[in-house]
Protein backbone atom coordinates (compact mmCIF):
# COMPACT_ATOMS: atom_id res chain seq x y z
CA MET A 1 0.00 0.00 0.00
CA LYS A 2 3.03 2.32 0.35
CA MET A 3 3.29 2.51 -3.44
CA ILE A 4 -0.30 3.62 -3.73
CA ALA A 5 0.25 6.62 -1.50
CA ALA A 6 3.49 7.57 -3.21
CA VAL A 7 1.99 7.54 -6.68
CA LEU A 8 -1.02 9.58 -5.56
CA LEU A 9 1.35 12.33 -4.45
CA CYS A 10 0.06 14.39 -7.38
CA MET A 11 -3.31 15.05 -5.79
CA CYS A 12 -1.92 17.82 -3.59
CA SER A 13 -0.52 21.30 -3.22
CA LEU A 14 -2.90 23.36 -5.32
CA MET A 15 -1.41 26.85 -5.22
CA GLY A 16 -4.27 29.30 -5.11
CA MET A 17 -7.88 28.49 -4.49
CA ALA A 18 -9.42 26.92 -7.56
CA GLN A 19 -12.73 28.49 -8.49
CA LYS A 20 -13.80 27.88 -12.08
CA GLU A 21 -12.10 24.64 -13.09
CA ASP A 22 -15.47 23.09 -13.97
CA TYR A 23 -16.95 26.02 -15.92
CA ILE A 24 -16.35 24.52 -19.40
CA TRP A 25 -17.96 21.19 -20.32
CA LEU A 26 -17.33 19.33 -23.57
CA ALA A 27 -19.30 16.48 -25.08
CA GLY A 28 -20.03 14.99 -28.46
CA TYR A 29 -18.24 13.61 -31.48
CA LEU A 30 -15.48 14.84 -33.74
CA THR A 31 -17.34 14.32 -37.02
CA GLN A 32 -19.00 17.48 -38.33
CA ASN A 33 -22.02 16.10 -40.20
CA TYR A 34 -25.51 17.55 -40.42
CA ASP A 35 -28.41 15.14 -40.05
CA SER A 36 -31.17 16.75 -42.09
CA GLY A 37 -33.68 14.16 -40.89
CA PHE A 38 -33.37 15.31 -37.28
CA GLY A 39 -32.12 18.82 -37.97
CA LYS A 40 -29.13 18.31 -35.70
CA TRP A 41 -25.38 18.11 -36.06
CA ILE A 42 -23.07 15.28 -35.15
CA GLY A 43 -20.28 17.27 -33.57
CA GLU A 44 -18.84 18.80 -30.42
CA CYS A 45 -20.99 20.54 -27.84
CA ARG A 46 -19.59 23.19 -25.48
CA PHE A 47 -21.28 24.19 -22.23
CA ASP A 48 -19.95 27.54 -20.99
CA PHE A 49 -20.94 28.26 -17.40
CA ASN A 50 -19.01 31.53 -17.44
CA GLN A 51 -22.32 32.76 -18.92
CA ASN A 52 -25.57 32.77 -17.02
CA PRO A 53 -27.70 31.11 -18.17
CA VAL A 54 -25.24 28.58 -19.47
CA ALA A 55 -24.27 29.12 -23.12
CA ILE A 56 -24.56 25.87 -25.10
CA SER A 57 -23.09 25.92 -28.58
CA LEU A 58 -21.80 23.74 -31.39
CA ASP A 59 -18.00 23.64 -31.45
CA SER A 60 -15.37 22.26 -33.78
CA MET A 61 -13.03 20.62 -31.29
CA GLY A 62 -10.45 18.15 -32.54
CA ILE A 63 -11.14 15.63 -29.78
CA SER A 64 -14.10 13.26 -29.74
CA PHE A 65 -15.93 12.10 -26.61
CA GLN A 66 -17.97 8.94 -26.34
CA ARG A 67 -18.80 8.64 -22.65
CA SER A 68 -15.51 9.33 -20.85
CA ASN A 69 -15.41 13.15 -20.69
CA SER A 70 -12.80 14.89 -18.58
CA MET A 71 -11.58 18.46 -18.79
CA ILE A 72 -10.28 21.23 -16.57
CA SER A 73 -10.18 25.02 -16.85
CA ASP A 74 -8.04 27.61 -15.10
CA GLU A 75 -9.38 29.74 -12.25
CA GLU A 76 -10.66 32.25 -14.80
CA GLY A 77 -12.82 29.59 -16.47
CA ASN A 78 -10.64 29.16 -19.58
CA LEU A 79 -10.27 25.60 -20.87
CA LEU A 80 -6.79 24.14 -20.24
CA LEU A 81 -6.90 20.41 -20.93
CA SER A 82 -9.42 17.86 -22.19
CA CYS A 83 -9.22 14.08 -22.08
CA ASN A 84 -11.51 11.42 -23.57
CA GLY A 85 -9.98 8.53 -21.64
CA VAL A 86 -7.42 7.66 -24.31
CA LYS A 87 -5.77 10.96 -25.33
CA VAL A 88 -5.25 14.55 -24.14
CA HIS A 89 -5.67 17.87 -25.95
CA ASN A 90 -4.25 21.21 -24.82
CA ARG A 91 -5.94 24.63 -24.62
CA PHE A 92 -5.23 25.15 -28.32
CA ASP A 93 -7.13 21.93 -29.08
CA GLU A 94 -3.91 20.23 -30.17
CA LYS A 95 -3.10 16.65 -29.26
CA ILE A 96 -0.26 16.68 -26.76
CA PRO A 97 2.53 14.55 -28.29
CA GLY A 98 2.77 11.12 -26.73
CA SER A 99 -0.47 11.50 -24.81
CA ASP A 100 -2.55 9.33 -27.12
CA THR A 101 -3.28 5.61 -26.57
CA LEU A 102 -3.54 6.10 -22.81
CA GLY A 103 -4.09 2.81 -21.06
CA ASN A 104 -3.11 0.56 -23.96
CA VAL A 105 -0.88 -1.51 -21.69
CA ASP A 106 -0.36 -5.11 -20.64
CA GLY A 107 -1.96 -6.54 -23.76
CA SER A 108 -5.40 -5.12 -23.05
CA THR A 109 -8.00 -6.89 -25.18
CA LEU A 110 -10.83 -4.42 -24.62
CA TYR A 111 -10.10 -2.32 -27.68
CA SER A 112 -8.96 -5.08 -30.01
CA LEU A 113 -11.97 -7.30 -29.23
CA LEU A 114 -14.87 -4.98 -28.50
CA TYR A 115 -14.02 -1.35 -29.30
CA PRO A 116 -11.35 -1.12 -32.01
CA ASP A 117 -12.28 2.49 -32.82
CA ALA A 118 -11.97 3.75 -29.24
CA PHE A 119 -8.55 5.34 -29.80
CA ASN A 120 -10.14 7.53 -32.46
CA ILE A 121 -13.42 8.54 -30.86
CA GLY A 122 -12.72 8.08 -27.14
CA ASN A 123 -13.37 5.50 -24.49
CA PRO A 124 -16.92 4.11 -24.61
CA PHE A 125 -17.29 3.66 -20.86
CA PRO A 126 -18.75 6.45 -18.73
CA HIS A 127 -18.18 6.02 -15.02
CA GLN A 128 -16.54 2.65 -15.60
CA HIS A 129 -13.55 4.44 -17.11
CA ILE A 130 -13.74 7.75 -15.35
CA SER A 131 -10.73 10.02 -15.74
CA LEU A 132 -9.96 12.85 -13.33
CA LEU A 133 -7.81 15.88 -14.06
CA CYS A 134 -6.10 17.19 -10.95
CA PRO A 135 -3.90 20.27 -10.45
CA ALA A 136 -0.54 19.16 -9.04
CA GLY A 137 1.09 22.60 -8.78
CA ASN A 138 3.59 24.54 -10.88
CA GLY A 139 1.72 23.94 -14.13
CA TYR A 140 1.51 20.16 -13.75
CA TYR A 141 -1.79 18.32 -14.09
CA ASP A 142 -2.35 14.65 -13.38
CA ILE A 143 -4.86 12.42 -15.12
CA PHE A 144 -6.16 9.37 -13.26
CA TYR A 145 -8.02 6.74 -15.25
CA THR A 146 -9.37 3.28 -14.62
CA ILE A 147 -8.37 0.66 -17.16
CA VAL A 148 -11.34 -1.46 -18.19
CA ASP A 149 -10.50 -4.81 -19.79
CA THR A 150 -12.14 -8.04 -20.88
CA PHE A 151 -11.90 -11.18 -18.81
CA ASN A 152 -12.57 -14.69 -20.07
CA VAL A 153 -15.59 -16.29 -18.46
CA SER A 154 -17.69 -19.25 -19.43
CA GLY A 155 -19.69 -18.40 -22.53
CA GLY A 156 -17.81 -15.24 -23.50
CA TYR A 157 -16.19 -12.16 -22.01
CA MET A 158 -16.86 -10.11 -18.90
CA VAL A 159 -15.87 -6.46 -18.79
CA GLY A 160 -14.34 -5.20 -15.57
CA ALA A 161 -11.66 -2.95 -14.12
CA LYS A 162 -8.05 -4.00 -14.27
CA LYS A 163 -6.05 -1.20 -12.66
CA VAL A 164 -5.81 2.53 -12.07
CA LEU A 165 -3.13 4.45 -13.96
CA LYS A 166 -1.83 8.01 -13.92
CA SER A 167 -0.25 10.29 -16.52
CA THR A 168 1.19 13.74 -15.87
CA ILE A 169 1.00 16.74 -18.20
CA ASP A 170 3.22 19.84 -17.97
CA ILE A 171 1.07 22.54 -19.57
CA ASN A 172 4.09 24.86 -19.85
CA GLY A 173 6.23 22.27 -21.62
CA ASN A 174 6.80 22.15 -25.37
CA MET A 175 6.89 25.97 -25.56
CA GLY A 176 3.51 26.29 -23.85
CA HIS A 177 1.76 23.64 -25.93
CA GLY A 178 2.02 20.98 -23.22
CA ALA A 179 4.18 17.91 -22.80
CA ILE A 180 3.57 14.54 -21.23
CA VAL A 181 5.94 13.95 -18.32
CA THR A 182 4.92 10.43 -17.30
CA LYS A 183 2.49 8.03 -18.94
CA ASP A 184 0.50 5.03 -17.73
CA GLN A 185 2.07 4.89 -14.28
CA PRO A 186 0.38 2.22 -12.12
CA VAL A 187 -1.49 3.45 -9.09
CA LEU A 188 -3.76 0.57 -8.08
CA LYS A 189 -3.55 -2.87 -9.62
CA ASP A 190 -6.26 -5.53 -9.35
CA GLU A 191 -7.94 -3.69 -6.48
CA GLY A 192 -9.98 -0.91 -8.04
CA ASN A 193 -13.36 -1.52 -9.63
CA VAL A 194 -15.06 1.00 -11.89
CA TYR A 195 -14.76 4.37 -10.17
CA ILE A 196 -12.16 6.83 -8.99
CA ILE A 197 -13.29 10.05 -7.33
CA ALA A 198 -11.65 12.82 -5.33
CA VAL A 199 -12.53 15.25 -2.56
CA ARG A 200 -10.51 18.10 -1.11
CA HIS A 201 -8.66 17.38 2.11
CA GLY A 202 -9.75 19.17 5.26
CA ASN A 203 -6.81 21.56 4.97
CA GLY A 204 -8.43 23.04 1.87
CA LYS A 205 -5.53 22.52 -0.54
CA ASP A 206 -4.70 18.81 -0.79
CA TRP A 207 -6.88 15.93 -2.00
CA TRP A 208 -8.19 12.54 -0.97
CA ALA A 209 -8.49 10.02 -3.79
CA CYS A 210 -10.99 7.19 -3.40
CA THR A 211 -11.38 3.92 -5.29
CA ASN A 212 -13.39 0.84 -4.39
CA ARG A 213 -11.90 -2.64 -4.09
CA THR A 214 -13.14 -5.48 -6.24
CA SER A 215 -15.59 -7.99 -4.76
CA THR A 216 -15.51 -6.36 -1.32
CA ASN A 217 -17.26 -3.59 0.56
CA CYS A 218 -13.96 -1.74 1.06
CA TYR A 219 -12.55 1.53 -0.26
CA ASN A 220 -9.02 2.87 -0.67
CA LEU A 221 -8.67 6.46 0.54
CA THR A 222 -5.26 7.94 -0.17
CA TYR A 223 -3.81 11.33 0.71
CA SER A 224 -0.37 12.88 0.39
CA ASN A 225 0.86 16.39 1.13
CA GLY A 226 4.34 15.81 -0.26
CA ILE A 227 5.73 14.97 3.19
CA ASN A 228 3.34 12.60 4.93
CA GLU A 229 1.51 9.79 3.16
CA ILE A 230 -1.65 8.18 4.44
CA THR A 231 -3.63 5.33 2.91
CA ASN A 232 -6.75 4.12 4.69
CA VAL A 233 -8.71 1.02 3.76
CA GLN A 234 -12.26 1.58 5.00
CA CYS A 235 -14.96 -1.09 4.83
CA GLY A 236 -18.71 -1.14 5.35
CA GLY A 237 -22.05 -1.65 3.63
CA GLY A 238 -22.85 -4.04 0.79
CA VAL A 239 -20.35 -6.01 -1.28
CA VAL A 240 -19.79 -5.08 -4.93
CA ASN A 241 -19.02 -7.66 -7.59
CA ARG A 242 -16.32 -7.15 -10.19
CA ASP A 243 -18.64 -6.65 -13.16
CA GLU A 244 -21.01 -4.16 -11.49
CA PHE A 245 -21.52 -0.51 -12.14
CA PHE A 246 -20.43 1.14 -8.95
CA PRO A 247 -21.03 4.92 -8.80
CA MET A 248 -19.61 6.85 -5.85
CA ARG A 249 -19.92 10.49 -4.77
CA PHE A 250 -18.87 12.87 -2.04
CA SER A 251 -21.41 15.47 -0.95
CA GLN A 252 -20.84 19.10 -1.86
CA ASN A 253 -19.52 19.90 1.63
CA GLY A 254 -17.37 16.75 1.64
CA ASN A 255 -18.88 15.43 4.88
CA THR A 256 -20.87 12.54 3.35
CA PHE A 257 -19.79 9.72 1.05
CA ALA A 258 -22.21 7.48 -0.82
CA SER A 259 -21.87 4.51 -3.14
CA ALA A 260 -24.45 2.47 -5.01
CA SER A 261 -24.61 -1.07 -6.39
CA VAL A 262 -27.23 -3.76 -6.89
CA SER A 263 -26.85 -4.57 -3.19
CA GLY A 264 -28.12 -1.08 -2.35
CA LEU A 265 -26.83 2.29 -1.16
CA ASN A 266 -23.99 2.71 1.29
CA ILE A 267 -24.10 6.09 3.04
CA PHE A 268 -21.20 7.16 5.26
CA ASP A 269 -20.06 10.10 7.33
CA PHE A 270 -16.64 11.16 6.02
CA ASN A 271 -13.85 12.86 7.95
CA ARG A 272 -11.86 15.01 5.53
CA CYS A 273 -8.97 15.27 7.96
CA SER A 274 -8.42 11.59 8.77
CA GLY A 275 -10.02 10.01 5.70
CA SER A 276 -12.20 7.78 7.87
CA LEU A 277 -15.66 6.50 6.92
CA ASN A 278 -18.47 5.75 9.36
CA LEU A 279 -21.44 3.85 7.93
CA ILE A 280 -24.70 5.72 8.57
CA GLU A 281 -27.03 3.32 6.78
CA HIS A 282 -27.07 0.59 4.18
CA VAL A 283 -30.23 1.14 2.12
CA VAL A 284 -31.64 -1.81 0.23
CA VAL A 285 -33.27 -0.73 -3.04
CA SER A 286 -35.79 -3.39 -3.98
CA GLU A 287 -35.74 -2.47 -7.68
CA PHE A 288 -32.03 -3.32 -7.92
CA ILE A 289 -32.29 -6.86 -6.57
CA ASP A 290 -32.08 -9.66 -9.17
CA SER A 291 -32.65 -7.28 -12.05
CA THR A 292 -30.64 -6.49 -15.14
CA GLN A 293 -32.65 -3.35 -15.85
CA TRP A 294 -32.45 -1.52 -12.54
CA PHE A 295 -28.75 -1.18 -11.87
CA PRO A 296 -27.65 2.21 -10.44
CA SER A 297 -25.59 4.12 -12.99
CA ALA A 298 -25.03 7.44 -11.20
CA ILE A 299 -25.62 9.25 -7.92
CA GLU A 300 -25.47 12.95 -7.07
CA PHE A 301 -25.98 15.13 -4.00
CA SER A 302 -28.09 18.26 -3.86
CA PRO A 303 -26.26 21.58 -3.37
CA ASN A 304 -27.50 21.82 0.23
CA ASN A 305 -26.21 18.26 0.89
CA ARG A 306 -29.60 17.09 2.15
CA PHE A 307 -30.85 15.01 -0.77
CA LEU A 308 -29.21 12.11 -2.55
CA TYR A 309 -30.35 11.36 -6.10
CA VAL A 310 -29.92 7.84 -7.49
CA PHE A 311 -30.13 7.34 -11.24
CA SER A 312 -30.99 4.04 -12.85
CA SER A 313 -32.02 3.32 -16.40
CA PRO A 314 -35.81 3.56 -15.84
CA ARG A 315 -36.10 5.82 -12.77
CA ILE A 316 -34.66 8.59 -10.63
CA PHE A 317 -34.93 8.16 -6.86
CA GLN A 318 -34.52 10.83 -4.19
CA TYR A 319 -33.49 10.09 -0.58
CA ASP A 320 -33.59 12.55 2.32
CA LEU A 321 -30.41 12.19 4.35
CA LEU A 322 -32.10 13.85 7.35
CA ALA A 323 -34.71 11.08 7.54
CA ASN A 324 -34.41 8.30 10.10
CA PRO A 325 -34.12 5.79 8.60
CA ILE A 326 -33.01 7.19 5.28
CA SER A 327 -34.64 4.26 3.47
CA SER A 328 -38.10 5.52 4.56
CA SER A 329 -37.71 8.73 2.55
CA LYS A 330 -37.44 7.21 -0.94
CA LYS A 331 -39.34 9.18 -3.57
CA ILE A 332 -39.62 8.48 -7.29
CA ILE A 333 -38.72 11.67 -9.13
CA ALA A 334 -39.04 10.39 -12.69
CA ASN A 335 -40.01 7.30 -14.68
CA TYR A 336 -38.77 6.36 -18.13
CA ASP A 337 -41.40 7.13 -20.75
CA PRO A 338 -40.83 5.45 -24.14
CA GLN A 339 -43.09 8.00 -25.85
CA PHE A 340 -40.52 10.76 -25.27
CA ARG A 341 -37.59 10.54 -27.65
CA CYS A 342 -34.87 12.89 -28.92
CA PRO A 343 -34.57 11.06 -31.23
CA PHE A 344 -33.97 7.90 -29.20
CA GLY A 345 -35.39 6.89 -25.87
CA GLN A 346 -33.77 8.63 -22.94
CA SER A 347 -33.02 6.64 -19.84
CA PHE A 348 -31.39 8.23 -16.79
CA PHE A 349 -27.76 7.21 -16.99
CA GLY A 350 -25.32 9.93 -15.90
CA ALA A 351 -25.66 13.06 -13.79
CA GLN A 352 -23.55 16.05 -12.77
CA LEU A 353 -24.28 19.05 -10.57
CA ALA A 354 -23.33 22.15 -12.56
CA PRO A 355 -22.02 25.56 -11.43
CA ASP A 356 -25.52 26.99 -11.99
CA GLY A 357 -26.92 24.71 -9.28
CA LYS A 358 -28.81 22.38 -11.61
CA ILE A 359 -28.26 18.64 -12.11
CA TYR A 360 -27.91 17.74 -15.78
CA ILE A 361 -28.80 14.17 -16.80
CA ASN A 362 -27.76 12.30 -19.93
CA SER A 363 -28.95 8.94 -21.23
CA GLY A 364 -27.11 5.83 -22.21
CA ASN A 365 -28.05 6.57 -25.82
CA THR A 366 -26.68 9.24 -28.13
CA ASN A 367 -29.29 12.01 -28.03
CA TYR A 368 -29.65 15.72 -28.66
CA CYS A 369 -31.25 16.65 -25.34
CA LEU A 370 -30.69 16.37 -21.62
CA SER A 371 -33.07 16.07 -18.73
CA VAL A 372 -32.51 18.46 -15.85
CA ILE A 373 -33.32 18.88 -12.16
CA ASN A 374 -33.72 22.64 -11.85
CA ASN A 375 -34.08 22.82 -8.06
CA PRO A 376 -32.29 19.80 -6.57
CA ASP A 377 -32.64 21.28 -3.04
CA GLY A 378 -36.42 20.80 -3.33
CA GLU A 379 -38.11 17.75 -1.85
CA GLY A 380 -40.02 15.39 -4.12
CA ASP A 381 -41.79 17.09 -7.01
CA ASN A 382 -40.44 20.44 -5.82
CA CYS A 383 -37.03 19.45 -7.20
CA GLY A 384 -38.19 20.72 -10.59
CA PHE A 385 -37.37 17.74 -12.77
CA VAL A 386 -37.93 18.43 -16.49
CA ARG A 387 -37.72 15.65 -19.03
CA TYR A 388 -35.78 16.80 -22.12
CA GLY A 389 -35.44 20.19 -20.47
CA VAL A 390 -32.22 21.09 -22.29
CA ASP A 391 -32.13 21.11 -26.07
CA LEU A 392 -28.70 20.64 -27.65
CA PRO A 393 -27.43 21.69 -31.08
CA ASN A 394 -25.98 18.24 -31.70
CA PHE A 395 -25.87 14.63 -30.57
CA ILE A 396 -23.88 13.75 -27.44
CA SER A 397 -23.50 10.64 -25.32
CA GLY A 398 -21.60 11.35 -22.10
CA LEU A 399 -21.28 14.15 -19.53
CA PRO A 400 -18.14 15.17 -17.63
CA HIS A 401 -17.53 14.39 -13.99
CA PHE A 402 -15.98 16.90 -11.56
CA PRO A 403 -15.03 17.04 -7.89
CA ASN A 404 -16.02 20.16 -5.95
CA TYR A 405 -13.04 22.43 -6.60
CA ARG A 406 -14.60 25.17 -4.46
CA LEU A 407 -14.59 23.12 -1.27
CA GLY A 408 -12.40 24.91 1.28
CA ALA A 409 -10.70 24.10 4.56
CA LEU A 410 -12.48 23.04 7.73
CA PRO A 411 -12.21 26.22 9.82
CA GLY A 412 -10.51 25.75 13.17
CA SER A 413 -9.80 22.05 12.66
CA ALA A 414 -6.50 20.34 13.45
CA CYS A 415 -5.90 19.74 9.75
CA ASP A 416 -6.46 23.37 8.70
CA THR A 417 -2.90 24.26 7.75
CA LEU A 418 -3.74 26.45 4.78
CA THR A 419 -1.80 29.70 4.84
CA SER A 420 -3.05 32.92 3.32
CA ILE A 421 -1.76 33.86 -0.12
CA LYS A 422 -1.73 37.49 -1.18
CA ASP A 423 -2.88 36.75 -4.71
CA ILE A 424 -5.95 34.92 -3.40
CA ALA A 425 -6.94 37.85 -1.19
CA GLU A 426 -6.62 40.26 -4.10
CA LYS A 427 -8.53 38.01 -6.48
CA GLU A 428 -11.36 37.62 -3.99
CA LYS A 429 -12.12 41.34 -4.25
CA ILE A 430 -13.36 40.84 -7.82
CA LEU A 431 -17.17 40.97 -8.01
CA LYS A 432 -19.09 41.30 -11.27
CA VAL A 433 -22.71 42.38 -11.80
CA PHE A 434 -24.51 42.01 -15.13
CA PRO A 435 -26.45 43.22 -16.97
CA ASN A 436 -25.71 46.66 -15.56
CA PRO A 437 -28.00 48.52 -15.55
CA ALA A 438 -30.61 45.81 -14.90
CA SER A 439 -34.37 46.00 -15.19
CA ASP A 440 -35.69 42.60 -14.12
CA VAL A 441 -32.96 40.15 -13.03
CA ALA A 442 -29.36 40.90 -12.09
CA THR A 443 -26.68 38.19 -12.06
CA ILE A 444 -23.96 38.39 -9.41
CA ASP A 445 -20.67 36.67 -10.26
CA TYR A 446 -18.85 35.82 -7.01
CA GLY A 447 -16.67 33.10 -8.58
CA TYR A 448 -13.44 34.19 -6.85
CA THR A 449 -14.72 33.75 -3.30
CA ASP A 450 -12.14 31.96 -1.12
CA TRP A 451 -14.17 29.22 0.52
CA SER A 452 -11.21 28.04 2.62
CA LYS A 453 -11.93 30.99 4.95
CA GLY A 454 -15.51 29.96 5.69
CA GLU A 455 -19.05 30.61 4.54
CA ALA A 456 -20.05 33.84 2.81
CA THR A 457 -23.20 35.92 2.43
CA MET A 458 -24.37 38.48 -0.12
CA GLU A 459 -26.11 41.72 0.81
CA ILE A 460 -27.50 44.48 -1.38
CA GLY A 461 -27.95 47.98 0.01
CA ASN A 462 -29.60 51.06 -1.48
CA SER A 463 -28.23 54.61 -1.61
CA LEU A 464 -29.71 55.32 1.86
CA GLY A 465 -27.74 52.48 3.42
CA GLN A 466 -30.81 50.26 3.82
CA MET A 467 -30.44 46.52 3.17
CA VAL A 468 -32.85 45.33 0.49
CA HIS A 469 -31.56 41.79 0.01
CA ARG A 470 -29.56 39.24 2.00
CA GLN A 471 -28.76 35.57 1.37
CA ALA A 472 -26.21 32.89 2.09
CA LEU A 473 -24.03 32.00 -0.88
CA PRO A 474 -23.72 28.34 -1.97
CA MET A 475 -20.20 27.22 -2.77
CA TYR A 476 -21.34 24.92 -5.58
CA SER A 477 -21.65 27.91 -7.86
CA GLY A 478 -20.17 31.27 -8.72
CA PHE A 479 -23.42 32.92 -9.83
CA GLN A 480 -26.61 34.03 -8.15
CA LYS A 481 -29.62 35.67 -9.81
CA VAL A 482 -31.49 38.41 -7.94
CA ASP A 483 -34.95 39.65 -8.90
CA VAL A 484 -34.67 43.45 -8.96
CA SER A 485 -37.94 44.13 -10.79
CA ASN A 486 -39.47 45.73 -7.68
CA TYR A 487 -36.41 47.81 -6.80
CA ALA A 488 -36.68 51.56 -7.15
CA SER A 489 -34.57 53.04 -9.93
CA GLY A 490 -31.14 54.07 -8.75
CA SER A 491 -27.77 52.81 -7.58
CA TYR A 492 -27.21 49.88 -5.21
CA THR A 493 -24.11 48.32 -3.64
CA VAL A 494 -23.57 44.56 -3.58
CA PHE A 495 -21.50 43.25 -0.66
CA ILE A 496 -19.91 39.84 -0.19
CA LYS A 497 -19.32 39.31 3.52
CA ARG A 498 -17.69 36.71 5.72
CA LYS A 499 -18.35 36.82 9.45
CA GLY A 500 -19.66 40.35 9.02
CA VAL A 501 -16.52 41.58 7.26
CA VAL A 502 -16.81 42.89 3.68
CA VAL A 503 -14.51 41.00 1.29
CA ALA A 504 -15.85 42.28 -2.05
CA THR A 505 -18.16 44.99 -3.35
CA GLY A 506 -19.85 45.77 -6.65
CA ARG A 507 -22.21 48.37 -8.04
CA LEU A 508 -25.71 47.58 -9.35
CA VAL A 509 -27.78 50.10 -11.24
CA LYS A 510 -31.54 49.55 -11.48
CA GLU A 511 -33.21 51.11 -14.52
């Protein structure tokens, strides 16, 4: 286990508080063809959350994504790197030399037997071959990816995880076009299953990496700060077989960890300082038992950390983590309806909470629409689920997967060793308001807030010094919309405060 911790050294020492690493999403296929029958393109789709509402447009990227989408932007929200599970492109959309054919090691038969075109159009597995891009400091970014392979079984082949590998990219190498430093370095061998996820350490700058262990109910949690190395093996809940889908998630505040399999849901308290898991409840989901249609394919937490959404092919379930027992709170949010197609039937396959506070949901098919949960903090029908609520300019298959880059340190804890950085304090003063002047709705961009220093609130005051609006700010996002339609015409001041101290101000003009 010492080797595991040493190799995962890269998941640490993020200089500066990351804010907008997840603001650009990419999905879709390289081919630029127009399907006149459906009136849609087969091409790349770009989601730009630097705009509010999100700007969704057709793009002409040189990298194709099947279902393994991974990308990272800088703290300004500018795309830096993108990876489709088998190759990496830089910010200029150029293939980084030597970064292609990732994971083609040890005589893997997956591509030669089942997916020979994967090295051209990307890995076909979504959360089975999840890749994570992680800042490692000084312009280095690490890519973790699970190698999925075929295994001989009676009557054919079984697809399952083989190992976890890592490659490192120097974005400043090759005269700023990026260079691969290491490739296909083993991290975990014959222990991981189908998922690798990350959550920020309690000190607010380093990272815990988590993988599950095949045919057990155990998880590897590994942390390194460049000096000390810790690897915990934590066990609890139901056992997962090698060939299962096995989605895992940390809550937005990092205090809860959940996993799902056909044996049910495992819900744990998580200590971001020690990396320890404490099982809260194992929830049996009757629909998953002895069924090939009801396997869980994704899970996601609400922004307020109260609700857990479980996505299977035919249904979306919601669980209230404040209920006792949690199993008693199950609600069905959506059912598959074969009459709704775009153009193919849309099951509920993958999900990701976006910077705008919505959960976007893709299907296992290639479609030109997404379902969406507009208010995931709402209970039951109040969550605002809309089938086919997002129309796309082209066909896509997979959605990206991100950790919460905005998660800060645990204030006052023994592991809070984060020191202040002058650049962070200066950047935090930036506050944008648009449109300005505004007549109906104003959008406040607080994307540079330093969450390592604690929670923040937003206040709006008029020219007489009277407060007209106050709210807590969620760290899942960098934007908040404010209805100003009833405000009197004039000038207002927007304040971002922490513990009563003003950290940023902006001017709002009401027409």
